[in-house]
Amino acid sequence: MLMTRLRRMSGTDVVMFIVGTVITIAIVYGSLVTLASGKYSLDQWENLVVYGLTQGSIYALIALGYTLVYGILRMINFAHSEVFMAGPFTAFFVARALNASGFLAAQPLLGMAIVALVAMGTSMGIALLVERIAYRPLRNAPRLVPLITAIGASLVLQNVFRGLYGSGLERYPDLAVLSGEFSVLGVRFLKTQAVVIVAAVLLMAALYAFVQLTKTGKAMRAVSEDKDAAALMGIDVDRIIATTFAVGGALAGAAGVLYALIFGQVQFYMGFVPGIKAFTAAVLGGIGNVPGAMVGGLFLGVFESVGPSLFLDGLGIPAPAQLKDVISFTLLVLILIFRPSGILGERLSTKKA
């Protein structure tokens, strides 16, 4: 069986396999050297994992938007990173007004709920607008056309919000109720980290229940399987596609508010890096697979947080924390070499691919 597989491999496959094997050996060697040195304490590893889960929760929520749209339309919505940006950037002005009036300090939970609803509503509206104007007229166009349109829509949205809100950084108000930390089974969490992780888990569970248990969710799965057959069965395909964009946009808006809680600031370009990371997470988990996007986001967040200290430090690379993006995309390369379908993905048929 092994010899048969080797005979089927092209020269490119062999080169990529060698590259992947070398990277894997380097990761294992660096990890063993770092662990043997005892340079980092258990508390430091715990902090890295907690930070990774926090970061990964945000990636997972954004990745769900990518994977939902791909599952329905078989296209990558590269404008989704700007959908993520639009919500929290718009909601910042609501947060600033509530803070200036004293309402945010007096009613922090209600105030943040209002901010989150504004962010989710804004991102949902932008997602629906992009779908209606940029994608729906190109529904039957060659696959490259919507892809180019998505990149163009992303650039347009970036510059529109730059013109509307300015190019400077805007800082979200600090909440006294979210300052400080607490311990769970000896593991320390910042309150903001706990809020992000719990909120993300609840939103992901709600989405999974929506897709699996509701009539609209079943219709989404039917359209994903075969749009023509779904239309023949009486499903309004355009409405289901719009619903998919709306759900992905709402999750992106929620992720944007959680991002603002952790990093404290927003700007017109804030969606680019998290968007690329979330797309990476979607591919890691299996693009088009909802649980895969969740797992991929959390896995990428932890890998990116722990990786520089665990892998690169042992290889003697200076300032490894500055190379966390390299770690993220190295993981993507390894997944594409050894399991192109992703962690939970399935190999697609020729028709779907």
Protein backbone atom coordinates (compact mmCIF):
# COMPACT_ATOMS: atom_id res chain seq x y z
CA MET A 1 0.00 0.00 0.00
CA LEU A 2 2.84 2.38 0.87
CA MET A 3 4.65 1.59 -2.38
CA THR A 4 1.44 2.18 -4.37
CA ARG A 5 0.98 5.58 -2.71
CA LEU A 6 4.61 6.51 -3.39
CA ARG A 7 4.26 5.61 -7.06
CA ARG A 8 1.23 7.89 -7.33
CA MET A 9 3.11 10.87 -5.89
CA SER A 10 4.32 13.48 -8.36
CA GLY A 11 7.61 15.33 -8.03
CA THR A 12 5.80 18.27 -6.45
CA ASP A 13 4.15 15.96 -3.91
CA VAL A 14 7.54 14.53 -2.96
CA VAL A 15 9.08 17.98 -2.50
CA MET A 16 6.13 19.17 -0.39
CA PHE A 17 6.27 15.99 1.71
CA ILE A 18 9.98 16.54 2.35
CA VAL A 19 9.36 20.19 3.31
CA GLY A 20 6.57 19.17 5.67
CA THR A 21 8.72 16.47 7.24
CA VAL A 22 11.61 18.89 7.81
CA ILE A 23 9.28 21.44 9.43
CA THR A 24 7.77 18.73 11.65
CA ILE A 25 11.22 17.53 12.76
CA ALA A 26 12.25 21.12 13.53
CA ILE A 27 9.08 21.64 15.61
CA VAL A 28 9.61 18.42 17.57
CA TYR A 29 13.30 19.15 18.16
CA GLY A 30 12.66 22.75 19.26
CA SER A 31 9.89 21.62 21.61
CA LEU A 32 12.06 18.97 23.25
CA VAL A 33 14.94 21.42 23.75
CA THR A 34 12.63 24.06 25.27
CA LEU A 35 10.93 21.61 27.63
CA ALA A 36 14.24 20.08 28.69
CA SER A 37 15.69 23.51 29.50
CA GLY A 38 12.97 24.29 32.04
CA LYS A 39 13.07 27.93 30.98
CA TYR A 40 9.33 28.46 31.39
CA SER A 41 7.36 27.72 34.54
CA LEU A 42 3.99 25.96 34.67
CA ASP A 43 2.28 29.30 35.38
CA GLN A 44 3.79 30.77 32.22
CA TRP A 45 2.57 27.85 30.10
CA GLU A 46 -0.90 28.19 31.63
CA ASN A 47 -0.98 31.90 30.81
CA LEU A 48 0.03 31.20 27.21
CA VAL A 49 -2.70 28.56 26.83
CA VAL A 50 -5.37 30.84 28.35
CA TYR A 51 -4.33 33.70 26.06
CA GLY A 52 -4.38 31.29 23.12
CA LEU A 53 -7.91 30.13 23.95
CA THR A 54 -9.01 33.75 24.17
CA GLN A 55 -7.47 34.60 20.83
CA GLY A 56 -8.71 31.37 19.30
CA SER A 57 -12.28 32.07 20.42
CA ILE A 58 -12.25 35.28 18.39
CA TYR A 59 -10.70 33.51 15.39
CA ALA A 60 -13.37 30.80 15.61
CA LEU A 61 -16.27 33.27 15.53
CA ILE A 62 -14.84 35.04 12.49
CA ALA A 63 -13.99 31.72 10.81
CA LEU A 64 -17.61 30.61 11.08
CA GLY A 65 -18.55 33.40 8.67
CA TYR A 66 -16.03 32.17 6.11
CA THR A 67 -17.08 28.56 6.45
CA LEU A 68 -20.85 29.25 6.34
CA VAL A 69 -20.56 31.22 3.09
CA TYR A 70 -18.22 28.67 1.55
CA GLY A 71 -20.59 25.87 2.53
CA ILE A 72 -23.43 27.58 0.66
CA LEU A 73 -21.76 29.25 -2.32
CA ARG A 74 -18.37 27.50 -2.61
CA MET A 75 -16.61 30.88 -2.56
CA ILE A 76 -14.30 32.66 -0.14
CA ASN A 77 -15.81 35.91 1.11
CA PHE A 78 -12.65 37.97 1.58
CA ALA A 79 -14.80 41.00 2.44
CA HIS A 80 -15.70 39.23 5.71
CA SER A 81 -12.69 40.79 7.44
CA GLU A 82 -14.23 44.24 6.80
CA VAL A 83 -17.61 42.97 8.02
CA PHE A 84 -15.77 42.11 11.24
CA MET A 85 -14.27 45.62 11.35
CA ALA A 86 -17.46 47.54 10.60
CA GLY A 87 -19.42 46.41 13.67
CA PRO A 88 -17.05 47.30 16.53
CA PHE A 89 -15.82 50.44 14.78
CA THR A 90 -19.40 51.75 14.51
CA ALA A 91 -20.28 50.55 18.01
CA PHE A 92 -17.29 52.46 19.41
CA PHE A 93 -19.17 55.73 19.00
CA VAL A 94 -22.12 54.29 20.92
CA ALA A 95 -19.75 53.08 23.65
CA ARG A 96 -18.11 56.50 23.85
CA ALA A 97 -21.49 58.24 24.14
CA LEU A 98 -22.68 55.83 26.84
CA ASN A 99 -19.41 56.30 28.72
CA ALA A 100 -19.62 60.11 28.51
CA SER A 101 -23.16 60.05 29.88
CA GLY A 102 -22.13 57.83 32.80
CA PHE A 103 -24.52 55.06 31.74
CA LEU A 104 -21.71 52.60 30.95
CA ALA A 105 -20.23 52.98 34.44
CA ALA A 106 -23.63 52.74 36.16
CA GLN A 107 -24.96 49.82 34.06
CA PRO A 108 -21.90 48.14 32.53
CA LEU A 109 -23.61 44.88 31.53
CA LEU A 110 -26.59 46.58 29.89
CA GLY A 111 -24.27 49.12 28.28
CA MET A 112 -22.04 46.46 26.75
CA ALA A 113 -25.09 44.52 25.61
CA ILE A 114 -26.25 47.63 23.72
CA VAL A 115 -22.78 48.06 22.22
CA ALA A 116 -22.71 44.39 21.18
CA LEU A 117 -26.17 44.62 19.58
CA VAL A 118 -25.13 47.71 17.61
CA ALA A 119 -21.95 45.95 16.44
CA MET A 120 -23.80 42.78 15.45
CA GLY A 121 -26.53 44.73 13.68
CA THR A 122 -24.02 46.85 11.76
CA SER A 123 -21.93 43.86 10.67
CA MET A 124 -25.10 41.99 9.70
CA GLY A 125 -26.29 44.93 7.59
CA ILE A 126 -22.91 45.27 5.85
CA ALA A 127 -22.83 41.53 5.13
CA LEU A 128 -26.33 41.64 3.60
CA LEU A 129 -25.40 44.70 1.56
CA VAL A 130 -22.28 43.00 0.18
CA GLU A 131 -24.25 39.87 -0.68
CA ARG A 132 -27.01 41.80 -2.44
CA ILE A 133 -24.82 44.23 -4.39
CA ALA A 134 -21.55 42.37 -5.00
CA TYR A 135 -22.34 38.65 -5.00
CA ARG A 136 -25.93 37.99 -6.01
CA PRO A 137 -25.57 39.39 -9.56
CA LEU A 138 -22.56 37.09 -10.01
CA ARG A 139 -24.23 33.95 -8.65
CA ASN A 140 -23.76 32.01 -11.91
CA ALA A 141 -20.49 33.63 -12.99
CA PRO A 142 -17.18 31.70 -13.19
CA ARG A 143 -15.71 31.13 -9.73
CA LEU A 144 -12.81 33.52 -10.23
CA VAL A 145 -15.17 36.49 -10.76
CA PRO A 146 -16.78 36.46 -7.27
CA LEU A 147 -13.34 35.97 -5.74
CA ILE A 148 -11.99 39.11 -7.41
CA THR A 149 -15.20 40.92 -6.46
CA ALA A 150 -14.73 39.91 -2.82
CA ILE A 151 -11.25 41.42 -2.76
CA GLY A 152 -12.60 44.59 -4.38
CA ALA A 153 -15.48 44.78 -1.87
CA SER A 154 -12.97 44.42 0.97
CA LEU A 155 -10.91 47.37 -0.31
CA VAL A 156 -14.02 49.48 -0.87
CA LEU A 157 -15.30 48.86 2.67
CA GLN A 158 -11.90 49.64 4.17
CA ASN A 159 -11.74 53.00 2.47
CA VAL A 160 -15.40 53.84 3.07
CA PHE A 161 -14.98 53.38 6.82
CA ARG A 162 -11.68 55.20 6.70
CA GLY A 163 -13.49 58.14 5.15
CA LEU A 164 -16.43 57.95 7.56
CA TYR A 165 -14.59 57.42 10.85
CA GLY A 166 -11.02 58.51 10.13
CA SER A 167 -7.74 56.61 9.95
CA GLY A 168 -6.68 56.99 13.59
CA LEU A 169 -6.91 54.46 16.41
CA GLU A 170 -9.95 54.78 18.65
CA ARG A 171 -9.83 53.39 22.20
CA TYR A 172 -12.82 51.66 23.76
CA PRO A 173 -13.76 52.82 27.28
CA ASP A 174 -12.36 50.71 30.14
CA LEU A 175 -14.87 48.88 32.32
CA ALA A 176 -14.07 48.66 36.01
CA VAL A 177 -16.26 45.56 36.35
CA LEU A 178 -13.95 43.69 33.93
CA SER A 179 -10.67 44.67 35.59
CA GLY A 180 -8.75 42.14 37.66
CA GLU A 181 -8.46 38.37 37.53
CA PHE A 182 -9.65 35.19 39.22
CA SER A 183 -8.63 31.53 39.39
CA VAL A 184 -10.38 28.36 38.25
CA LEU A 185 -8.77 25.13 39.47
CA GLY A 186 -5.57 27.06 40.03
CA VAL A 187 -5.51 28.54 36.51
CA ARG A 188 -5.64 32.34 36.43
CA PHE A 189 -7.93 34.17 34.03
CA LEU A 190 -8.31 37.87 33.40
CA LYS A 191 -11.99 38.77 33.62
CA THR A 192 -11.94 39.99 30.03
CA GLN A 193 -10.47 36.66 28.91
CA ALA A 194 -13.19 34.74 30.74
CA VAL A 195 -15.90 36.90 29.16
CA VAL A 196 -14.47 36.35 25.68
CA ILE A 197 -14.15 32.57 26.06
CA VAL A 198 -17.59 32.07 27.63
CA ALA A 199 -19.35 34.39 25.16
CA ALA A 200 -17.67 32.71 22.19
CA VAL A 201 -18.59 29.21 23.41
CA LEU A 202 -22.22 30.25 23.93
CA LEU A 203 -22.41 31.84 20.47
CA MET A 204 -20.84 28.79 18.83
CA ALA A 205 -23.24 26.46 20.66
CA ALA A 206 -26.18 28.64 19.60
CA LEU A 207 -25.04 28.55 15.97
CA TYR A 208 -24.61 24.78 16.01
CA ALA A 209 -28.09 24.34 17.49
CA PHE A 210 -29.52 26.77 14.91
CA VAL A 211 -27.97 24.90 11.98
CA GLN A 212 -28.85 21.43 13.26
CA LEU A 213 -32.27 21.91 14.89
CA THR A 214 -34.18 24.71 13.14
CA LYS A 215 -36.05 24.64 9.82
CA THR A 216 -33.87 27.46 8.50
CA GLY A 217 -30.75 25.53 9.52
CA LYS A 218 -32.00 22.44 7.70
CA ALA A 219 -32.72 24.58 4.65
CA MET A 220 -29.18 25.96 4.83
CA ARG A 221 -27.80 22.42 4.83
CA ALA A 222 -30.05 21.50 1.90
CA VAL A 223 -28.91 24.52 -0.15
CA SER A 224 -25.31 23.66 0.71
CA GLU A 225 -25.83 20.15 -0.64
CA ASP A 226 -27.61 21.07 -3.88
CA LYS A 227 -29.11 24.49 -4.62
CA ASP A 228 -31.15 23.33 -7.62
CA ALA A 229 -32.69 20.39 -5.78
CA ALA A 230 -33.42 22.61 -2.77
CA ALA A 231 -35.21 25.12 -5.01
CA LEU A 232 -37.31 22.31 -6.52
CA MET A 233 -38.34 21.31 -2.99
CA GLY A 234 -39.72 24.79 -2.36
CA ILE A 235 -36.79 26.37 -0.51
CA ASP A 236 -36.20 30.06 -1.24
CA VAL A 237 -32.51 29.82 -2.10
CA ASP A 238 -31.90 33.58 -2.22
CA ARG A 239 -33.43 34.02 1.24
CA ILE A 240 -31.34 31.20 2.68
CA ILE A 241 -28.15 32.63 1.21
CA ALA A 242 -29.00 36.06 2.61
CA THR A 243 -29.70 34.45 6.01
CA THR A 244 -26.31 32.75 5.88
CA PHE A 245 -24.56 36.08 5.27
CA ALA A 246 -26.61 37.69 8.05
CA VAL A 247 -25.70 35.00 10.58
CA GLY A 248 -22.01 35.14 9.64
CA GLY A 249 -22.08 38.94 9.86
CA ALA A 250 -23.69 38.90 13.31
CA LEU A 251 -21.05 36.50 14.60
CA ALA A 252 -18.31 38.69 13.12
CA GLY A 253 -19.77 41.75 14.86
CA ALA A 254 -19.84 39.91 18.18
CA ALA A 255 -16.24 38.80 17.60
CA GLY A 256 -15.30 42.43 16.94
CA VAL A 257 -16.66 43.57 20.32
CA LEU A 258 -14.81 40.73 22.07
CA TYR A 259 -11.67 41.75 20.18
CA ALA A 260 -12.14 45.32 21.42
CA LEU A 261 -12.50 44.06 25.01
CA ILE A 262 -9.12 42.34 24.76
CA PHE A 263 -7.11 44.83 22.72
CA GLY A 264 -9.05 47.97 23.64
CA GLN A 265 -8.83 49.79 20.31
CA VAL A 266 -10.32 49.80 16.82
CA GLN A 267 -9.42 51.27 13.44
CA PHE A 268 -10.40 50.89 9.78
CA TYR A 269 -7.61 48.34 9.10
CA MET A 270 -8.26 46.17 12.16
CA GLY A 271 -9.98 43.38 10.22
CA PHE A 272 -7.11 42.41 7.92
CA VAL A 273 -4.89 40.30 10.20
CA PRO A 274 -7.69 38.65 12.24
CA GLY A 275 -9.52 37.98 8.98
CA ILE A 276 -6.52 36.20 7.44
CA LYS A 277 -5.99 34.24 10.67
CA ALA A 278 -9.68 33.28 10.77
CA PHE A 279 -9.53 32.11 7.16
CA THR A 280 -6.51 30.02 8.14
CA ALA A 281 -8.53 28.60 11.03
CA ALA A 282 -11.40 27.73 8.70
CA VAL A 283 -9.01 25.87 6.38
CA LEU A 284 -7.39 24.09 9.34
CA GLY A 285 -10.73 22.84 10.60
CA GLY A 286 -12.08 21.98 7.16
CA ILE A 287 -13.56 24.79 5.08
CA GLY A 288 -17.34 24.46 4.92
CA ASN A 289 -17.47 22.47 8.18
CA VAL A 290 -19.03 24.41 11.09
CA PRO A 291 -17.53 22.34 13.95
CA GLY A 292 -14.26 22.36 12.02
CA ALA A 293 -14.16 26.17 12.02
CA MET A 294 -14.72 26.17 15.79
CA VAL A 295 -11.98 23.61 16.43
CA GLY A 296 -9.65 25.25 13.91
CA GLY A 297 -10.00 28.66 15.53
CA LEU A 298 -9.30 27.41 19.05
CA PHE A 299 -6.43 25.21 17.86
CA LEU A 300 -4.84 28.04 15.88
CA GLY A 301 -5.12 30.45 18.81
CA VAL A 302 -3.37 28.07 21.22
CA PHE A 303 -0.79 27.04 18.63
CA GLU A 304 0.01 30.67 17.84
CA SER A 305 0.28 31.61 21.52
CA VAL A 306 2.34 28.62 22.71
CA GLY A 307 4.29 27.99 19.52
CA PRO A 308 6.88 30.79 19.59
CA SER A 309 8.00 29.92 23.12
CA LEU A 310 7.74 26.17 22.62
CA PHE A 311 9.17 25.67 19.12
CA LEU A 312 11.27 28.69 18.21
CA ASP A 313 12.93 29.28 21.58
CA GLY A 314 14.40 25.79 21.48
CA LEU A 315 15.83 26.47 18.03
CA GLY A 316 17.74 29.48 19.37
CA ILE A 317 15.73 32.04 17.41
CA PRO A 318 15.88 35.50 19.05
CA ALA A 319 12.62 37.32 19.95
CA PRO A 320 10.42 34.35 19.04
CA ALA A 321 7.21 36.08 20.16
CA GLN A 322 7.53 38.45 17.20
CA LEU A 323 7.26 35.49 14.83
CA LYS A 324 3.82 34.25 15.93
CA ASP A 325 2.40 34.92 12.47
CA VAL A 326 5.06 32.63 11.02
CA ILE A 327 3.90 29.92 13.42
CA SER A 328 0.28 30.34 12.29
CA PHE A 329 1.01 30.03 8.60
CA THR A 330 3.52 27.23 9.14
CA LEU A 331 0.68 25.27 10.71
CA LEU A 332 -1.44 26.03 7.64
CA VAL A 333 1.33 24.72 5.37
CA LEU A 334 1.59 21.50 7.38
CA ILE A 335 -2.15 20.93 7.26
CA LEU A 336 -2.27 21.54 3.51
CA ILE A 337 0.60 19.09 2.98
CA PHE A 338 -0.51 16.24 5.24
CA ARG A 339 -4.31 16.73 5.39
CA PRO A 340 -5.57 19.16 2.74
CA SER A 341 -9.20 18.61 3.73
CA GLY A 342 -8.56 20.01 7.22
CA ILE A 343 -8.85 18.54 10.70
CA LEU A 344 -12.57 17.69 10.47
CA GLY A 345 -13.07 18.20 6.75
CA GLU A 346 -14.08 15.59 4.22
CA ARG A 347 -12.74 15.20 0.73
CA LEU A 348 -15.12 16.97 -1.63
CA SER A 349 -16.55 15.43 -4.72
CA THR A 350 -15.57 16.88 -8.08
CA LYS A 351 -18.96 18.63 -8.36
CA LYS A 352 -18.60 20.43 -5.02
CA ALA A 353 -14.90 21.18 -5.33
